[in-house]
Amino acid sequence: MNRITTVIKQKANIIIDKYEDPREALDYSYTKQTELLNKLRRDIAEVVTAKRRLEMQKAKLWDNIRTLDEQARRSIDAEREDLAKLALERKNANLMQLQGLDKQIAEMLSEQEKLEQTEKRLSTKVEEFKSKKEVIKAQYSAAEAQVRIKENVTGISEEMTDIGMSLSKAEEKTEKMKAKSGALDEMINSGVLTDYTSSKDSIEKELEQITLKGSVDEELAKLKAERQRKKKQIEEEQKA
């Protein structure tokens, strides 16, 4: 079962590698990095916001401390030691809260600075990745175009090879046909073969010549007789 699973994974990886476009993978990776960077910036903003709230609370505590200190003085002036004591107790409680706030603010400030340094480093790396990404994409596109062109050239070369073989075969057959025709001509000229397409039996030739001569003589006699009749007719007309 494990072997089957391994084989399936191998086949799947081969298929994925075949159809995966590295340019899309680079763009996706850059998008994920940008999302993480933006999330870090939001976290920094939340830390800054929380720190500002503590600072605002600290400012209110200082206002309370000053107010309570003033109340304690006025109570002493009014000979109300009890009120002065209560005011000072509240003042000290606020001072204790103020110390706690100072510690929290210092911790948040330290965290903010760490996050900001991390953000700067990551931002620089993301920008560097973006630049390298575009260079790699351009190089891949160029290489892809070169491969496509070379594949086309290879296809044309293979096609030209087939055409060359076809031409060679046609030329070979043509030469064989020419050689056969020449051999037949030599055989006919030497008398080995009789060319029935261009020569006839001597008797048949002589008979054709006799027939042709007879036709010519007959037609010539007709023309002479016709000429004699016309000449006689003209003489009779002149006598009349």
Protein backbone atom coordinates (compact mmCIF):
# COMPACT_ATOMS: atom_id res chain seq x y z
CA MET A 1 0.00 0.00 0.00
CA ASN A 2 2.83 2.39 0.87
CA ARG A 3 4.52 1.59 -2.44
CA ILE A 4 1.32 2.38 -4.35
CA THR A 5 0.96 5.66 -2.47
CA THR A 6 4.58 6.55 -3.27
CA VAL A 7 4.08 5.77 -6.96
CA ILE A 8 0.90 7.86 -7.07
CA LYS A 9 2.70 10.78 -5.43
CA GLN A 10 5.57 10.47 -7.89
CA LYS A 11 3.19 10.47 -10.86
CA ALA A 12 1.27 13.41 -9.40
CA ASN A 13 4.51 15.36 -8.90
CA ILE A 14 5.53 14.67 -12.51
CA ILE A 15 2.16 15.91 -13.80
CA ILE A 16 2.24 18.98 -11.55
CA ASP A 17 5.83 19.79 -12.57
CA LYS A 18 4.85 19.44 -16.23
CA TYR A 19 1.97 21.90 -16.07
CA GLU A 20 3.25 24.24 -13.33
CA ASP A 21 4.26 27.65 -14.60
CA PRO A 22 7.18 28.96 -12.47
CA ARG A 23 6.10 32.53 -13.23
CA GLU A 24 2.73 31.89 -11.59
CA ALA A 25 4.47 30.19 -8.64
CA LEU A 26 6.72 33.24 -8.18
CA ASP A 27 3.75 35.64 -8.32
CA TYR A 28 1.86 33.50 -5.79
CA SER A 29 4.87 33.42 -3.46
CA TYR A 30 5.23 37.20 -3.70
CA THR A 31 1.52 37.63 -2.95
CA LYS A 32 1.79 35.44 0.18
CA GLN A 33 4.87 37.36 1.36
CA THR A 34 3.07 40.65 0.83
CA GLU A 35 0.06 39.38 2.79
CA LEU A 36 2.31 38.35 5.71
CA LEU A 37 4.08 41.71 5.61
CA ASN A 38 0.77 43.56 5.67
CA LYS A 39 -0.37 41.41 8.62
CA LEU A 40 2.83 42.32 10.48
CA ARG A 41 2.17 46.01 9.79
CA ARG A 42 -1.35 45.64 11.18
CA ASP A 43 0.09 44.00 14.32
CA ILE A 44 2.50 46.91 14.72
CA ALA A 45 -0.38 49.35 14.34
CA GLU A 46 -2.30 47.50 17.08
CA VAL A 47 0.72 47.65 19.41
CA VAL A 48 1.13 51.38 18.72
CA THR A 49 -2.58 51.95 19.38
CA ALA A 50 -2.45 50.03 22.66
CA LYS A 51 0.67 51.95 23.73
CA ARG A 52 -1.06 55.25 23.01
CA ARG A 53 -4.03 54.21 25.14
CA LEU A 54 -1.68 53.46 28.03
CA GLU A 55 0.03 56.81 27.51
CA MET A 56 -3.36 58.55 27.59
CA GLN A 57 -4.21 56.66 30.78
CA LYS A 58 -0.83 57.69 32.21
CA ALA A 59 -1.60 61.34 31.44
CA LYS A 60 -4.93 61.02 33.26
CA LEU A 61 -3.19 59.49 36.26
CA TRP A 62 -0.76 62.41 36.38
CA ASP A 63 -3.72 64.78 36.30
CA ASN A 64 -5.31 62.86 39.17
CA ILE A 65 -2.05 62.87 41.11
CA ARG A 66 -1.71 66.64 40.76
CA THR A 67 -5.35 67.10 41.71
CA LEU A 68 -5.05 64.84 44.78
CA ASP A 69 -1.83 66.55 45.83
CA GLU A 70 -3.61 69.91 45.64
CA GLN A 71 -6.54 68.49 47.62
CA ALA A 72 -4.19 67.22 50.32
CA ARG A 73 -2.62 70.69 50.65
CA ARG A 74 -5.99 72.39 50.82
CA SER A 75 -7.18 69.86 53.44
CA ILE A 76 -4.15 70.61 55.63
CA ASP A 77 -4.86 74.33 55.23
CA ALA A 78 -8.45 73.63 56.33
CA GLU A 79 -7.16 71.55 59.24
CA ARG A 80 -8.83 68.45 57.79
CA GLU A 81 -6.09 65.95 58.27
CA ASP A 82 -8.44 63.06 57.57
CA LEU A 83 -9.23 64.41 54.09
CA ALA A 84 -5.56 65.14 53.47
CA LYS A 85 -4.72 61.57 54.44
CA LEU A 86 -7.38 60.16 52.09
CA ALA A 87 -6.14 62.33 49.24
CA LEU A 88 -2.55 61.23 49.80
CA GLU A 89 -3.62 57.54 49.92
CA ARG A 90 -5.33 57.94 46.55
CA LYS A 91 -2.31 59.82 45.24
CA ASN A 92 0.02 56.97 46.25
CA ALA A 93 -2.34 54.41 44.68
CA ASN A 94 -2.24 56.39 41.43
CA LEU A 95 1.56 56.57 41.67
CA MET A 96 1.67 52.79 41.98
CA GLN A 97 -0.61 52.44 38.94
CA LEU A 98 1.63 54.92 37.17
CA GLN A 99 4.67 52.74 37.80
CA GLY A 100 2.82 49.73 36.38
CA LEU A 101 1.81 51.75 33.31
CA ASP A 102 5.36 52.95 32.79
CA LYS A 103 6.53 49.32 32.81
CA GLN A 104 3.82 48.27 30.33
CA ILE A 105 4.52 51.24 28.09
CA ALA A 106 8.24 50.47 28.11
CA GLU A 107 7.52 46.82 27.24
CA MET A 108 5.19 47.84 24.42
CA LEU A 109 7.70 50.34 23.12
CA SER A 110 10.37 47.63 23.08
CA GLU A 111 7.96 45.26 21.29
CA GLN A 112 7.06 47.98 18.82
CA GLU A 113 10.70 48.64 18.02
CA LYS A 114 11.36 44.92 17.51
CA LEU A 115 8.36 44.58 15.23
CA GLU A 116 9.35 47.67 13.27
CA GLN A 117 12.88 46.32 12.78
CA THR A 118 11.43 43.00 11.66
CA GLU A 119 9.10 44.82 9.29
CA LYS A 120 11.99 46.74 7.78
CA ARG A 121 14.01 43.57 7.22
CA LEU A 122 11.06 41.70 5.75
CA SER A 123 10.08 44.67 3.60
CA THR A 124 13.61 44.80 2.18
CA LYS A 125 13.59 41.05 1.51
CA VAL A 126 10.17 41.22 -0.15
CA GLU A 127 11.32 44.03 -2.42
CA GLU A 128 14.47 42.09 -3.27
CA PHE A 129 12.35 39.03 -4.00
CA LYS A 130 10.08 41.13 -6.20
CA SER A 131 13.04 42.36 -8.25
CA LYS A 132 14.52 38.87 -8.57
CA LYS A 133 11.09 37.50 -9.38
CA GLU A 134 10.66 39.84 -12.33
CA VAL A 135 14.18 39.05 -13.58
CA ILE A 136 13.57 35.30 -13.33
CA LYS A 137 10.19 35.65 -15.04
CA ALA A 138 11.78 37.60 -17.89
CA GLN A 139 14.57 35.03 -18.20
CA TYR A 140 12.06 32.18 -18.17
CA SER A 141 9.93 33.86 -20.84
CA ALA A 142 13.03 34.40 -22.99
CA ALA A 143 14.16 30.80 -22.52
CA GLU A 144 10.65 29.56 -23.27
CA ALA A 145 10.59 31.59 -26.48
CA GLN A 146 14.01 30.23 -27.48
CA VAL A 147 12.89 26.66 -26.83
CA ARG A 148 9.71 27.23 -28.85
CA ILE A 149 11.71 28.70 -31.75
CA LYS A 150 14.25 25.86 -31.66
CA GLU A 151 11.45 23.30 -31.54
CA ASN A 152 9.92 24.92 -34.60
CA VAL A 153 13.30 24.92 -36.34
CA THR A 154 13.77 21.28 -35.39
CA GLY A 155 10.34 20.47 -36.79
CA ILE A 156 11.18 22.30 -40.02
CA SER A 157 14.50 20.45 -40.25
CA GLU A 158 12.76 17.11 -39.79
CA GLU A 159 10.19 18.10 -42.41
CA MET A 160 12.97 19.15 -44.79
CA THR A 161 14.67 15.79 -44.20
CA ASP A 162 11.48 13.99 -45.21
CA ILE A 163 11.15 16.25 -48.25
CA GLY A 164 14.79 15.58 -49.16
CA MET A 165 14.20 11.84 -48.95
CA SER A 166 11.10 12.16 -51.14
CA LEU A 167 13.07 14.22 -53.70
CA SER A 168 15.88 11.67 -53.70
CA LYS A 169 13.43 8.84 -54.32
CA ALA A 170 11.72 10.79 -57.12
CA GLU A 171 15.07 11.59 -58.76
CA GLU A 172 16.16 7.96 -58.42
CA LYS A 173 12.97 6.71 -60.08
CA THR A 174 13.30 9.33 -62.82
CA GLU A 175 16.87 8.25 -63.57
CA LYS A 176 15.82 4.61 -63.67
CA MET A 177 12.98 5.47 -66.07
CA LYS A 178 15.37 7.45 -68.30
CA ALA A 179 17.84 4.56 -68.30
CA LYS A 180 15.10 2.08 -69.22
CA SER A 181 13.90 4.35 -72.08
CA GLY A 182 17.48 4.67 -73.38
CA ALA A 183 17.98 0.91 -73.23
CA LEU A 184 14.75 0.34 -75.19
CA ASP A 185 15.89 2.87 -77.82
CA GLU A 186 19.19 1.03 -78.22
CA MET A 187 17.39 -2.29 -78.59
CA ILE A 188 15.02 -0.86 -81.20
CA ASN A 189 17.88 0.74 -83.18
CA SER A 190 19.86 -2.48 -83.13
CA GLY A 191 16.91 -4.46 -84.43
CA VAL A 192 16.50 -6.54 -81.35
CA LEU A 193 13.02 -5.04 -80.89
CA THR A 194 10.60 -3.80 -83.53
CA ASP A 195 9.04 -0.45 -82.86
CA TYR A 196 5.44 -1.14 -83.87
CA THR A 197 4.41 2.31 -82.83
CA SER A 198 6.58 4.04 -85.47
CA SER A 199 7.14 1.47 -88.29
CA LYS A 200 4.87 -0.68 -90.50
CA ASP A 201 5.26 -3.74 -92.69
CA SER A 202 6.94 -2.97 -96.08
CA ILE A 203 4.07 -4.53 -98.08
CA GLU A 204 1.55 -2.45 -96.17
CA LYS A 205 3.62 0.65 -96.85
CA GLU A 206 3.80 -0.11 -100.59
CA LEU A 207 0.05 -0.74 -100.78
CA GLU A 208 -0.61 2.57 -99.03
CA GLN A 209 1.69 4.32 -101.52
CA ILE A 210 -0.13 2.70 -104.52
CA THR A 211 -3.50 3.71 -103.08
CA LEU A 212 -2.25 7.22 -102.44
CA LYS A 213 -0.78 7.50 -105.98
CA GLY A 214 -4.02 6.23 -107.50
CA SER A 215 -6.05 8.77 -105.62
CA VAL A 216 -3.71 11.55 -106.73
CA ASP A 217 -3.78 10.45 -110.39
CA GLU A 218 -7.55 10.20 -110.34
CA GLU A 219 -7.97 13.64 -108.86
CA LEU A 220 -5.43 15.12 -111.27
CA ALA A 221 -7.33 13.62 -114.27
CA LYS A 222 -10.52 15.17 -113.01
CA LEU A 223 -8.90 18.58 -112.77
CA LYS A 224 -7.50 18.28 -116.33
CA ALA A 225 -10.87 17.22 -117.77
CA GLU A 226 -12.61 20.09 -116.03
CA ARG A 227 -10.05 22.52 -117.41
CA GLN A 228 -10.50 21.10 -120.92
CA ARG A 229 -14.27 21.54 -120.73
CA LYS A 230 -13.96 25.14 -119.62
CA LYS A 231 -11.49 25.89 -122.44
CA LYS A 232 -13.78 24.30 -125.09
CA GLN A 233 -16.76 26.22 -123.76
CA ILE A 234 -14.88 29.52 -124.03
CA GLU A 235 -13.85 28.78 -127.65
CA GLU A 236 -17.45 27.97 -128.64
CA GLU A 237 -18.66 31.20 -127.07
CA GLN A 238 -16.05 33.20 -128.97
CA LYS A 239 -17.08 31.59 -132.33
CA ALA A 240 -20.72 32.39 -131.71
